[in-house]
Every structure is written in C-alpha cells, then in structure tokens.
Amino acid sequence: MKREEQLNAMQQYVKELFKLDVTGHDFYHMKRVAKMAKFIAEYENADEFLCEAAAWLHDIGDYKLFQQQQVLEEMNQFLKNISLSDNEIEMINDIIQNISFSKGNIPE
C-alpha cells in the first residue's frame, strides 16, 4: 500500500472513530493538526509520513476521550492491516503517547 493510500485509510479510520465526538476532538480537529504537522515536518526535514500519521491518530487512546485503552490495540491492528511496519507502529505510538501539551511534553 502506498503512503498516500495509508494516510487516506487513517483519515477514514479517524473519521469513523470520532464521528460522534462533541468535545472538539473531531475529524476536522485531526485534519488541522495533521496539516500543521506535515508543514512543520517539511520545514524541519523530519519524516513527513510519520509526523502526519501520528497527527491523524494523536487523540486515539487519550484518557480524556476514551475509557478503554483497548482502542490503542485496535489502532495498532488497523495500522498492521494497512501495511505499516512494526517499527513505524512503535514510533507512532511513542509520538502519540509521549507528546502532549496538557502533560507538558512538548517537542523542542
């Protein structure tokens, strides 16, 4: 699966998962974050795919939004199903679990 197809699949996954959200953490919030992450990644010469992917998925498993942490396991299975490597999945999980404005974990 090509990178663009993987990102499109992530967008649809997020759209479905957050379709009933009333907290402001909806598809359009994810879209804005992903757009900004891609822009910053380009500027910083970072891995654009991983930054954009993590941005699309960044609120999955957030304790403020999800009661069950199994949602992360389901996300990881989804990522395997769209042909991400174990290393890419691990890096995405690291990003979404360890970068948090509310927790004070902001990248420099």
PDB file of N, CA and C in Angstrom:
ATOM      1  N   MET A   1       0.857  -1.180   0.000  1.00  0.00           N
ATOM      2  CA  MET A   1       0.000   0.000   0.000  1.00  0.00           C
ATOM      3  C   MET A   1       0.897   1.236   0.000  1.00  0.00           C
ATOM      4  N   LYS A   2       0.576   2.198  -0.840  1.00  0.00           N
ATOM      5  CA  LYS A   2       1.351   3.434  -0.940  1.00  0.00           C
ATOM      6  C   LYS A   2       1.064   4.333   0.260  1.00  0.00           C
ATOM      7  N   ARG A   3       1.999   5.231   0.523  1.00  0.00           N
ATOM      8  CA  ARG A   3       1.875   6.148   1.665  1.00  0.00           C
ATOM      9  C   ARG A   3       0.590   6.965   1.605  1.00  0.00           C
ATOM     10  N   GLU A   4       0.265   7.475   0.431  1.00  0.00           N
ATOM     11  CA  GLU A   4      -0.949   8.277   0.292  1.00  0.00           C
ATOM     12  C   GLU A   4      -2.187   7.443   0.629  1.00  0.00           C
ATOM     13  N   GLU A   5      -2.206   6.199   0.189  1.00  0.00           N
ATOM     14  CA  GLU A   5      -3.336   5.317   0.497  1.00  0.00           C
ATOM     15  C   GLU A   5      -3.406   5.031   1.993  1.00  0.00           C
ATOM     16  N   GLN A   6      -2.236   4.860   2.629  1.00  0.00           N
ATOM     17  CA  GLN A   6      -2.210   4.618   4.069  1.00  0.00           C
ATOM     18  C   GLN A   6      -2.760   5.824   4.826  1.00  0.00           C
ATOM     19  N   LEU A   7      -2.341   7.018   4.421  1.00  0.00           N
ATOM     20  CA  LEU A   7      -2.843   8.232   5.078  1.00  0.00           C
ATOM     21  C   LEU A   7      -4.342   8.403   4.853  1.00  0.00           C
ATOM     22  N   ASN A   8      -4.812   8.091   3.647  1.00  0.00           N
ATOM     23  CA  ASN A   8      -6.254   8.162   3.379  1.00  0.00           C
ATOM     24  C   ASN A   8      -7.015   7.168   4.254  1.00  0.00           C
ATOM     25  N   ALA A   9      -6.454   5.977   4.431  1.00  0.00           N
ATOM     26  CA  ALA A   9      -7.092   4.976   5.289  1.00  0.00           C
ATOM     27  C   ALA A   9      -7.136   5.476   6.733  1.00  0.00           C
ATOM     28  N   MET A  10      -6.068   6.124   7.191  1.00  0.00           N
ATOM     29  CA  MET A  10      -6.039   6.679   8.549  1.00  0.00           C
ATOM     30  C   MET A  10      -7.096   7.761   8.703  1.00  0.00           C
ATOM     31  N   GLN A  11      -7.257   8.594   7.690  1.00  0.00           N
ATOM     32  CA  GLN A  11      -8.271   9.645   7.740  1.00  0.00           C
ATOM     33  C   GLN A  11      -9.665   9.040   7.901  1.00  0.00           C
ATOM     34  N   GLN A  12      -9.951   8.007   7.144  1.00  0.00           N
ATOM     35  CA  GLN A  12     -11.262   7.361   7.232  1.00  0.00           C
ATOM     36  C   GLN A  12     -11.452   6.683   8.592  1.00  0.00           C
ATOM     37  N   TYR A  13     -10.376   6.089   9.113  1.00  0.00           N
ATOM     38  CA  TYR A  13     -10.407   5.442  10.426  1.00  0.00           C
ATOM     39  C   TYR A  13     -10.756   6.468  11.502  1.00  0.00           C
ATOM     40  N   VAL A  14     -10.084   7.600  11.466  1.00  0.00           N
ATOM     41  CA  VAL A  14     -10.314   8.669  12.437  1.00  0.00           C
ATOM     42  C   VAL A  14     -11.723   9.250  12.267  1.00  0.00           C
ATOM     43  N   LYS A  15     -12.126   9.436  11.033  1.00  0.00           N
ATOM     44  CA  LYS A  15     -13.455   9.988  10.772  1.00  0.00           C
ATOM     45  C   LYS A  15     -14.532   9.103  11.390  1.00  0.00           C
ATOM     46  N   GLU A  16     -14.386   7.803  11.239  1.00  0.00           N
ATOM     47  CA  GLU A  16     -15.365   6.861  11.804  1.00  0.00           C
ATOM     48  C   GLU A  16     -15.287   6.834  13.337  1.00  0.00           C
ATOM     49  N   LEU A  17     -14.072   6.779  13.865  1.00  0.00           N
ATOM     50  CA  LEU A  17     -13.882   6.658  15.306  1.00  0.00           C
ATOM     51  C   LEU A  17     -14.399   7.874  16.068  1.00  0.00           C
ATOM     52  N   PHE A  18     -14.255   9.047  15.476  1.00  0.00           N
ATOM     53  CA  PHE A  18     -14.624  10.290  16.163  1.00  0.00           C
ATOM     54  C   PHE A  18     -15.899  10.927  15.614  1.00  0.00           C
ATOM     55  N   LYS A  19     -16.709  10.177  14.872  1.00  0.00           N
ATOM     56  CA  LYS A  19     -17.888  10.751  14.213  1.00  0.00           C
ATOM     57  C   LYS A  19     -18.925  11.304  15.191  1.00  0.00           C
ATOM     58  N   LEU A  20     -18.952  10.799  16.398  1.00  0.00           N
ATOM     59  CA  LEU A  20     -19.932  11.284  17.381  1.00  0.00           C
ATOM     60  C   LEU A  20     -19.312  12.199  18.436  1.00  0.00           C
ATOM     61  N   ASP A  21     -18.083  12.613  18.225  1.00  0.00           N
ATOM     62  CA  ASP A  21     -17.386  13.431  19.221  1.00  0.00           C
ATOM     63  C   ASP A  21     -18.058  14.788  19.402  1.00  0.00           C
ATOM     64  N   VAL A  22     -18.180  15.191  20.654  1.00  0.00           N
ATOM     65  CA  VAL A  22     -18.745  16.500  20.978  1.00  0.00           C
ATOM     66  C   VAL A  22     -17.751  17.365  21.760  1.00  0.00           C
ATOM     67  N   THR A  23     -16.506  16.869  21.892  1.00  0.00           N
ATOM     68  CA  THR A  23     -15.503  17.574  22.692  1.00  0.00           C
ATOM     69  C   THR A  23     -14.647  18.539  21.871  1.00  0.00           C
ATOM     70  N   GLY A  24     -14.791  18.508  20.549  1.00  0.00           N
ATOM     71  CA  GLY A  24     -13.926  19.319  19.698  1.00  0.00           C
ATOM     72  C   GLY A  24     -12.765  18.517  19.141  1.00  0.00           C
ATOM     73  N   HIS A  25     -12.682  17.256  19.519  1.00  0.00           N
ATOM     74  CA  HIS A  25     -11.636  16.363  19.008  1.00  0.00           C
ATOM     75  C   HIS A  25     -12.222  15.510  17.888  1.00  0.00           C
ATOM     76  N   ASP A  26     -12.706  16.196  16.870  1.00  0.00           N
ATOM     77  CA  ASP A  26     -13.364  15.509  15.770  1.00  0.00           C
ATOM     78  C   ASP A  26     -12.425  15.404  14.568  1.00  0.00           C
ATOM     79  N   PHE A  27     -12.968  14.902  13.468  1.00  0.00           N
ATOM     80  CA  PHE A  27     -12.194  14.727  12.241  1.00  0.00           C
ATOM     81  C   PHE A  27     -11.527  16.025  11.808  1.00  0.00           C
ATOM     82  N   TYR A  28     -12.229  17.143  11.918  1.00  0.00           N
ATOM     83  CA  TYR A  28     -11.697  18.419  11.444  1.00  0.00           C
ATOM     84  C   TYR A  28     -10.565  18.929  12.333  1.00  0.00           C
ATOM     85  N   HIS A  29     -10.637  18.621  13.616  1.00  0.00           N
ATOM     86  CA  HIS A  29      -9.519  18.925  14.516  1.00  0.00           C
ATOM     87  C   HIS A  29      -8.292  18.119  14.081  1.00  0.00           C
ATOM     88  N   MET A  30      -8.485  16.814  13.835  1.00  0.00           N
ATOM     89  CA  MET A  30      -7.374  15.958  13.407  1.00  0.00           C
ATOM     90  C   MET A  30      -6.789  16.454  12.082  1.00  0.00           C
ATOM     91  N   LYS A  31      -7.663  16.882  11.195  1.00  0.00           N
ATOM     92  CA  LYS A  31      -7.218  17.366   9.885  1.00  0.00           C
ATOM     93  C   LYS A  31      -6.327  18.605  10.040  1.00  0.00           C
ATOM     94  N   ARG A  32      -6.728  19.521  10.919  1.00  0.00           N
ATOM     95  CA  ARG A  32      -5.919  20.729  11.156  1.00  0.00           C
ATOM     96  C   ARG A  32      -4.565  20.366  11.759  1.00  0.00           C
ATOM     97  N   VAL A  33      -4.563  19.445  12.724  1.00  0.00           N
ATOM     98  CA  VAL A  33      -3.317  19.028  13.364  1.00  0.00           C
ATOM     99  C   VAL A  33      -2.415  18.336  12.345  1.00  0.00           C
ATOM    100  N   ALA A  34      -2.991  17.476  11.510  1.00  0.00           N
ATOM    101  CA  ALA A  34      -2.196  16.758  10.502  1.00  0.00           C
ATOM    102  C   ALA A  34      -1.582  17.725   9.494  1.00  0.00           C
ATOM    103  N   LYS A  35      -2.360  18.707   9.075  1.00  0.00           N
ATOM    104  CA  LYS A  35      -1.851  19.702   8.122  1.00  0.00           C
ATOM    105  C   LYS A  35      -0.672  20.473   8.727  1.00  0.00           C
ATOM    106  N   MET A  36      -0.811  20.877   9.986  1.00  0.00           N
ATOM    107  CA  MET A  36       0.269  21.615  10.644  1.00  0.00           C
ATOM    108  C   MET A  36       1.489  20.714  10.866  1.00  0.00           C
ATOM    109  N   ALA A  37       1.262  19.466  11.250  1.00  0.00           N
ATOM    110  CA  ALA A  37       2.373  18.535  11.470  1.00  0.00           C
ATOM    111  C   ALA A  37       3.153  18.313  10.186  1.00  0.00           C
ATOM    112  N   LYS A  38       2.451  18.169   9.082  1.00  0.00           N
ATOM    113  CA  LYS A  38       3.125  17.984   7.793  1.00  0.00           C
ATOM    114  C   LYS A  38       3.946  19.223   7.437  1.00  0.00           C
ATOM    115  N   PHE A  39       3.377  20.400   7.650  1.00  0.00           N
ATOM    116  CA  PHE A  39       4.078  21.650   7.376  1.00  0.00           C
ATOM    117  C   PHE A  39       5.360  21.750   8.210  1.00  0.00           C
ATOM    118  N   ILE A  40       5.253  21.462   9.496  1.00  0.00           N
ATOM    119  CA  ILE A  40       6.420  21.528  10.382  1.00  0.00           C
ATOM    120  C   ILE A  40       7.456  20.478   9.986  1.00  0.00           C
ATOM    121  N   ALA A  41       6.995  19.271   9.656  1.00  0.00           N
ATOM    122  CA  ALA A  41       7.920  18.208   9.251  1.00  0.00           C
ATOM    123  C   ALA A  41       8.700  18.604   8.006  1.00  0.00           C
ATOM    124  N   GLU A  42       8.019  19.215   7.053  1.00  0.00           N
ATOM    125  CA  GLU A  42       8.709  19.687   5.841  1.00  0.00           C
ATOM    126  C   GLU A  42       9.781  20.715   6.215  1.00  0.00           C
ATOM    127  N   TYR A  43       9.415  21.666   7.038  1.00  0.00           N
ATOM    128  CA  TYR A  43      10.325  22.731   7.445  1.00  0.00           C
ATOM    129  C   TYR A  43      11.531  22.175   8.209  1.00  0.00           C
ATOM    130  N   GLU A  44      11.296  21.189   9.061  1.00  0.00           N
ATOM    131  CA  GLU A  44      12.339  20.632   9.911  1.00  0.00           C
ATOM    132  C   GLU A  44      13.083  19.456   9.264  1.00  0.00           C
ATOM    133  N   ASN A  45      12.713  19.105   8.036  1.00  0.00           N
ATOM    134  CA  ASN A  45      13.298  17.943   7.349  1.00  0.00           C
ATOM    135  C   ASN A  45      13.111  16.666   8.156  1.00  0.00           C
ATOM    136  N   ALA A  46      11.951  16.538   8.755  1.00  0.00           N
ATOM    137  CA  ALA A  46      11.605  15.340   9.529  1.00  0.00           C
ATOM    138  C   ALA A  46      10.860  14.366   8.611  1.00  0.00           C
ATOM    139  N   ASP A  47      10.548  13.204   9.130  1.00  0.00           N
ATOM    140  CA  ASP A  47       9.813  12.199   8.373  1.00  0.00           C
ATOM    141  C   ASP A  47       8.356  12.668   8.250  1.00  0.00           C
ATOM    142  N   GLU A  48       7.998  13.176   7.083  1.00  0.00           N
ATOM    143  CA  GLU A  48       6.671  13.747   6.879  1.00  0.00           C
ATOM    144  C   GLU A  48       5.565  12.717   7.083  1.00  0.00           C
ATOM    145  N   PHE A  49       5.788  11.503   6.604  1.00  0.00           N
ATOM    146  CA  PHE A  49       4.764  10.478   6.737  1.00  0.00           C
ATOM    147  C   PHE A  49       4.481  10.176   8.206  1.00  0.00           C
ATOM    148  N   LEU A  50       5.525   9.923   8.984  1.00  0.00           N
ATOM    149  CA  LEU A  50       5.321   9.587  10.397  1.00  0.00           C
ATOM    150  C   LEU A  50       4.706  10.746  11.175  1.00  0.00           C
ATOM    151  N   CYS A  51       5.130  11.948  10.883  1.00  0.00           N
ATOM    152  CA  CYS A  51       4.569  13.111  11.576  1.00  0.00           C
ATOM    153  C   CYS A  51       3.099  13.290  11.241  1.00  0.00           C
ATOM    154  N   GLU A  52       2.761  13.173   9.957  1.00  0.00           N
ATOM    155  CA  GLU A  52       1.364  13.327   9.571  1.00  0.00           C
ATOM    156  C   GLU A  52       0.510  12.180  10.107  1.00  0.00           C
ATOM    157  N   ALA A  53       1.033  10.957  10.043  1.00  0.00           N
ATOM    158  CA  ALA A  53       0.293   9.797  10.556  1.00  0.00           C
ATOM    159  C   ALA A  53       0.020   9.953  12.047  1.00  0.00           C
ATOM    160  N   ALA A  54       1.045  10.308  12.810  1.00  0.00           N
ATOM    161  CA  ALA A  54       0.870  10.485  14.254  1.00  0.00           C
ATOM    162  C   ALA A  54      -0.120  11.604  14.548  1.00  0.00           C
ATOM    163  N   ALA A  55      -0.112  12.642  13.727  1.00  0.00           N
ATOM    164  CA  ALA A  55      -1.052  13.745  13.927  1.00  0.00           C
ATOM    165  C   ALA A  55      -2.492  13.287  13.686  1.00  0.00           C
ATOM    166  N   TRP A  56      -2.714  12.502  12.647  1.00  0.00           N
ATOM    167  CA  TRP A  56      -4.065  11.989  12.398  1.00  0.00           C
ATOM    168  C   TRP A  56      -4.546  11.137  13.567  1.00  0.00           C
ATOM    169  N   LEU A  57      -3.644  10.423  14.205  1.00  0.00           N
ATOM    170  CA  LEU A  57      -4.015   9.445  15.233  1.00  0.00           C
ATOM    171  C   LEU A  57      -3.800   9.945  16.660  1.00  0.00           C
ATOM    172  N   HIS A  58      -3.366  11.170  16.834  1.00  0.00           N
ATOM    173  CA  HIS A  58      -2.861  11.635  18.126  1.00  0.00           C
ATOM    174  C   HIS A  58      -3.851  11.579  19.290  1.00  0.00           C
ATOM    175  N   ASP A  59      -5.133  11.634  19.035  1.00  0.00           N
ATOM    176  CA  ASP A  59      -6.099  11.616  20.147  1.00  0.00           C
ATOM    177  C   ASP A  59      -6.649  10.224  20.450  1.00  0.00           C
ATOM    178  N   ILE A  60      -6.228   9.233  19.683  1.00  0.00           N
ATOM    179  CA  ILE A  60      -6.695   7.873  19.946  1.00  0.00           C
ATOM    180  C   ILE A  60      -6.024   7.374  21.225  1.00  0.00           C
ATOM    181  N   GLY A  61      -6.826   6.937  22.141  1.00  0.00           N
ATOM    182  CA  GLY A  61      -6.305   6.462  23.422  1.00  0.00           C
ATOM    183  C   GLY A  61      -6.165   7.539  24.479  1.00  0.00           C
ATOM    184  N   ASP A  62      -6.440   8.789  24.125  1.00  0.00           N
ATOM    185  CA  ASP A  62      -6.351   9.877  25.099  1.00  0.00           C
ATOM    186  C   ASP A  62      -7.311   9.587  26.253  1.00  0.00           C
ATOM    187  N   TYR A  63      -6.781   9.573  27.457  1.00  0.00           N
ATOM    188  CA  TYR A  63      -7.580   9.223  28.639  1.00  0.00           C
ATOM    189  C   TYR A  63      -8.784  10.144  28.824  1.00  0.00           C
ATOM    190  N   LYS A  64      -8.715  11.361  28.293  1.00  0.00           N
ATOM    191  CA  LYS A  64      -9.837  12.290  28.416  1.00  0.00           C
ATOM    192  C   LYS A  64     -10.977  11.921  27.469  1.00  0.00           C
ATOM    193  N   LEU A  65     -10.684  11.129  26.462  1.00  0.00           N
ATOM    194  CA  LEU A  65     -11.674  10.808  25.435  1.00  0.00           C
ATOM    195  C   LEU A  65     -12.098   9.341  25.416  1.00  0.00           C
ATOM    196  N   PHE A  66     -11.258   8.471  25.937  1.00  0.00           N
ATOM    197  CA  PHE A  66     -11.526   7.037  25.863  1.00  0.00           C
ATOM    198  C   PHE A  66     -11.436   6.395  27.239  1.00  0.00           C
ATOM    199  N   GLN A  67     -12.434   5.606  27.570  1.00  0.00           N
ATOM    200  CA  GLN A  67     -12.439   4.868  28.830  1.00  0.00           C
ATOM    201  C   GLN A  67     -11.556   3.619  28.722  1.00  0.00           C
ATOM    202  N   GLN A  68     -11.649   2.940  27.600  1.00  0.00           N
ATOM    203  CA  GLN A  68     -10.924   1.679  27.431  1.00  0.00           C
ATOM    204  C   GLN A  68      -9.645   1.907  26.635  1.00  0.00           C
ATOM    205  N   GLN A  69      -8.557   1.376  27.141  1.00  0.00           N
ATOM    206  CA  GLN A  69      -7.292   1.509  26.436  1.00  0.00           C
ATOM    207  C   GLN A  69      -7.154   0.504  25.297  1.00  0.00           C
ATOM    208  N   GLN A  70      -8.142  -0.388  25.154  1.00  0.00           N
ATOM    209  CA  GLN A  70      -8.095  -1.343  24.054  1.00  0.00           C
ATOM    210  C   GLN A  70      -8.148  -0.634  22.708  1.00  0.00           C
ATOM    211  N   VAL A  71      -8.569   0.616  22.697  1.00  0.00           N
ATOM    212  CA  VAL A  71      -8.644   1.374  21.462  1.00  0.00           C
ATOM    213  C   VAL A  71      -7.252   1.490  20.826  1.00  0.00           C
ATOM    214  N   LEU A  72      -6.191   1.523  21.650  1.00  0.00           N
ATOM    215  CA  LEU A  72      -4.826   1.556  21.108  1.00  0.00           C
ATOM    216  C   LEU A  72      -4.462   0.231  20.454  1.00  0.00           C
ATOM    217  N   GLU A  73      -4.873  -0.862  21.054  1.00  0.00           N
ATOM    218  CA  GLU A  73      -4.629  -2.174  20.454  1.00  0.00           C
ATOM    219  C   GLU A  73      -5.351  -2.287  19.122  1.00  0.00           C
ATOM    220  N   GLU A  74      -6.582  -1.795  19.076  1.00  0.00           N
ATOM    221  CA  GLU A  74      -7.348  -1.810  17.834  1.00  0.00           C
ATOM    222  C   GLU A  74      -6.683  -0.930  16.779  1.00  0.00           C
ATOM    223  N   MET A  75      -6.164   0.226  17.185  1.00  0.00           N
ATOM    224  CA  MET A  75      -5.462   1.107  16.260  1.00  0.00           C
ATOM    225  C   MET A  75      -4.229   0.408  15.700  1.00  0.00           C
ATOM    226  N   ASN A  76      -3.472  -0.244  16.583  1.00  0.00           N
ATOM    227  CA  ASN A  76      -2.256  -0.924  16.132  1.00  0.00           C
ATOM    228  C   ASN A  76      -2.577  -2.039  15.138  1.00  0.00           C
ATOM    229  N   GLN A  77      -3.657  -2.761  15.380  1.00  0.00           N
ATOM    230  CA  GLN A  77      -4.065  -3.797  14.431  1.00  0.00           C
ATOM    231  C   GLN A  77      -4.456  -3.171  13.097  1.00  0.00           C
ATOM    232  N   PHE A  78      -5.163  -2.063  13.142  1.00  0.00           N
ATOM    233  CA  PHE A  78      -5.523  -1.344  11.929  1.00  0.00           C
ATOM    234  C   PHE A  78      -4.259  -0.947  11.160  1.00  0.00           C
ATOM    235  N   LEU A  79      -3.260  -0.416  11.861  1.00  0.00           N
ATOM    236  CA  LEU A  79      -2.022   0.009  11.202  1.00  0.00           C
ATOM    237  C   LEU A  79      -1.297  -1.175  10.562  1.00  0.00           C
ATOM    238  N   LYS A  80      -1.318  -2.318  11.224  1.00  0.00           N
ATOM    239  CA  LYS A  80      -0.743  -3.530  10.618  1.00  0.00           C
ATOM    240  C   LYS A  80      -1.510  -3.909   9.361  1.00  0.00           C
ATOM    241  N   ASN A  81      -2.832  -3.787   9.430  1.00  0.00           N
ATOM    242  CA  ASN A  81      -3.677  -4.152   8.293  1.00  0.00           C
ATOM    243  C   ASN A  81      -3.445  -3.271   7.072  1.00  0.00           C
ATOM    244  N   ILE A  82      -2.959  -2.052   7.284  1.00  0.00           N
ATOM    245  CA  ILE A  82      -2.668  -1.182   6.134  1.00  0.00           C
ATOM    246  C   ILE A  82      -1.168  -1.159   5.832  1.00  0.00           C
ATOM    247  N   SER A  83      -0.473  -2.186   6.310  1.00  0.00           N
ATOM    248  CA  SER A  83       0.918  -2.470   5.929  1.00  0.00           C
ATOM    249  C   SER A  83       1.978  -1.544   6.512  1.00  0.00           C
ATOM    250  N   LEU A  84       1.725  -0.972   7.687  1.00  0.00           N
ATOM    251  CA  LEU A  84       2.803  -0.251   8.359  1.00  0.00           C
ATOM    252  C   LEU A  84       3.705  -1.280   9.034  1.00  0.00           C
ATOM    253  N   SER A  85       4.982  -0.973   9.108  1.00  0.00           N
ATOM    254  CA  SER A  85       5.927  -1.881   9.756  1.00  0.00           C
ATOM    255  C   SER A  85       5.786  -1.800  11.270  1.00  0.00           C
ATOM    256  N   ASP A  86       6.286  -2.816  11.956  1.00  0.00           N
ATOM    257  CA  ASP A  86       6.262  -2.796  13.418  1.00  0.00           C
ATOM    258  C   ASP A  86       7.009  -1.576  13.949  1.00  0.00           C
ATOM    259  N   ASN A  87       8.111  -1.222  13.300  1.00  0.00           N
ATOM    260  CA  ASN A  87       8.898  -0.064  13.729  1.00  0.00           C
ATOM    261  C   ASN A  87       8.096   1.230  13.558  1.00  0.00           C
ATOM    262  N   GLU A  88       7.394   1.374  12.437  1.00  0.00           N
ATOM    263  CA  GLU A  88       6.573   2.571  12.229  1.00  0.00           C
ATOM    264  C   GLU A  88       5.449   2.650  13.259  1.00  0.00           C
ATOM    265  N   ILE A  89       4.830   1.520  13.544  1.00  0.00           N
ATOM    266  CA  ILE A  89       3.749   1.490  14.538  1.00  0.00           C
ATOM    267  C   ILE A  89       4.288   1.868  15.909  1.00  0.00           C
ATOM    268  N   GLU A  90       5.447   1.357  16.251  1.00  0.00           N
ATOM    269  CA  GLU A  90       6.070   1.687  17.538  1.00  0.00           C
ATOM    270  C   GLU A  90       6.378   3.178  17.621  1.00  0.00           C
ATOM    271  N   MET A  91       6.896   3.747  16.542  1.00  0.00           N
ATOM    272  CA  MET A  91       7.227   5.174  16.547  1.00  0.00           C
ATOM    273  C   MET A  91       5.969   6.037  16.649  1.00  0.00           C
ATOM    274  N   ILE A  92       4.902   5.663  15.961  1.00  0.00           N
ATOM    275  CA  ILE A  92       3.648   6.408  16.048  1.00  0.00           C
ATOM    276  C   ILE A  92       3.095   6.347  17.462  1.00  0.00           C
ATOM    277  N   ASN A  93       3.130   5.161  18.067  1.00  0.00           N
ATOM    278  CA  ASN A  93       2.670   5.030  19.452  1.00  0.00           C
ATOM    279  C   ASN A  93       3.505   5.883  20.391  1.00  0.00           C
ATOM    280  N   ASP A  94       4.803   5.900  20.190  1.00  0.00           N
ATOM    281  CA  ASP A  94       5.679   6.707  21.036  1.00  0.00           C
ATOM    282  C   ASP A  94       5.316   8.186  20.921  1.00  0.00           C
ATOM    283  N   ILE A  95       5.078   8.631  19.710  1.00  0.00           N
ATOM    284  CA  ILE A  95       4.721  10.034  19.499  1.00  0.00           C
ATOM    285  C   ILE A  95       3.395  10.361  20.178  1.00  0.00           C
ATOM    286  N   ILE A  96       2.369   9.551  19.921  1.00  0.00           N
ATOM    287  CA  ILE A  96       1.046   9.924  20.448  1.00  0.00           C
ATOM    288  C   ILE A  96       0.939   9.739  21.954  1.00  0.00           C
ATOM    289  N   GLN A  97       1.793   8.908  22.534  1.00  0.00           N
ATOM    290  CA  GLN A  97       1.735   8.702  23.981  1.00  0.00           C
ATOM    291  C   GLN A  97       2.658   9.634  24.753  1.00  0.00           C
ATOM    292  N   ASN A  98       3.652  10.213  24.075  1.00  0.00           N
ATOM    293  CA  ASN A  98       4.646  10.988  24.810  1.00  0.00           C
ATOM    294  C   ASN A  98       4.727  12.457  24.446  1.00  0.00           C
ATOM    295  N   ILE A  99       3.991  12.897  23.451  1.00  0.00           N
ATOM    296  CA  ILE A  99       3.957  14.328  23.146  1.00  0.00           C
ATOM    297  C   ILE A  99       2.570  14.818  23.511  1.00  0.00           C
ATOM    298  N   SER A 100       2.511  15.680  24.504  1.00  0.00           N
ATOM    299  CA  SER A 100       1.220  16.152  24.994  1.00  0.00           C
ATOM    300  C   SER A 100       1.366  17.548  25.574  1.00  0.00           C
ATOM    301  N   PHE A 101       0.629  18.467  25.008  1.00  0.00           N
ATOM    302  CA  PHE A 101       0.647  19.834  25.536  1.00  0.00           C
ATOM    303  C   PHE A 101       0.124  19.858  26.957  1.00  0.00           C
ATOM    304  N   SER A 102      -0.983  19.123  27.216  1.00  0.00           N
ATOM    305  CA  SER A 102      -1.588  19.140  28.548  1.00  0.00           C
ATOM    306  C   SER A 102      -0.703  18.475  29.595  1.00  0.00           C
ATOM    307  N   LYS A 103       0.164  17.535  29.177  1.00  0.00           N
ATOM    308  CA  LYS A 103       1.075  16.878  30.109  1.00  0.00           C
ATOM    309  C   LYS A 103       2.416  17.602  30.205  1.00  0.00           C
ATOM    310  N   GLY A 104       2.595  18.636  29.381  1.00  0.00           N
ATOM    311  CA  GLY A 104       3.842  19.383  29.400  1.00  0.00           C
ATOM    312  C   GLY A 104       4.960  18.738  28.597  1.00  0.00           C
ATOM    313  N   ASN A 105       4.632  17.746  27.782  1.00  0.00           N
ATOM    314  CA  ASN A 105       5.635  17.057  26.952  1.00  0.00           C
ATOM    315  C   ASN A 105       5.582  17.635  25.542  1.00  0.00           C
ATOM    316  N   ILE A 106       6.282  18.728  25.347  1.00  0.00           N
ATOM    317  CA  ILE A 106       6.244  19.446  24.076  1.00  0.00           C
ATOM    318  C   ILE A 106       7.589  19.291  23.382  1.00  0.00           C
ATOM    319  N   PRO A 107       7.599  18.875  22.099  1.00  0.00           N
ATOM    320  CA  PRO A 107       8.877  18.716  21.403  1.00  0.00           C
ATOM    321  C   PRO A 107       9.575  20.062  21.240  1.00  0.00           C
ATOM    322  N   GLU A 108      10.895  20.010  21.253  1.00  0.00           N
ATOM    323  CA  GLU A 108      11.683  21.245  21.099  1.00  0.00           C
ATOM    324  C   GLU A 108      12.288  21.324  19.731  1.00  0.00           C
TER     325      GLU A 108
END
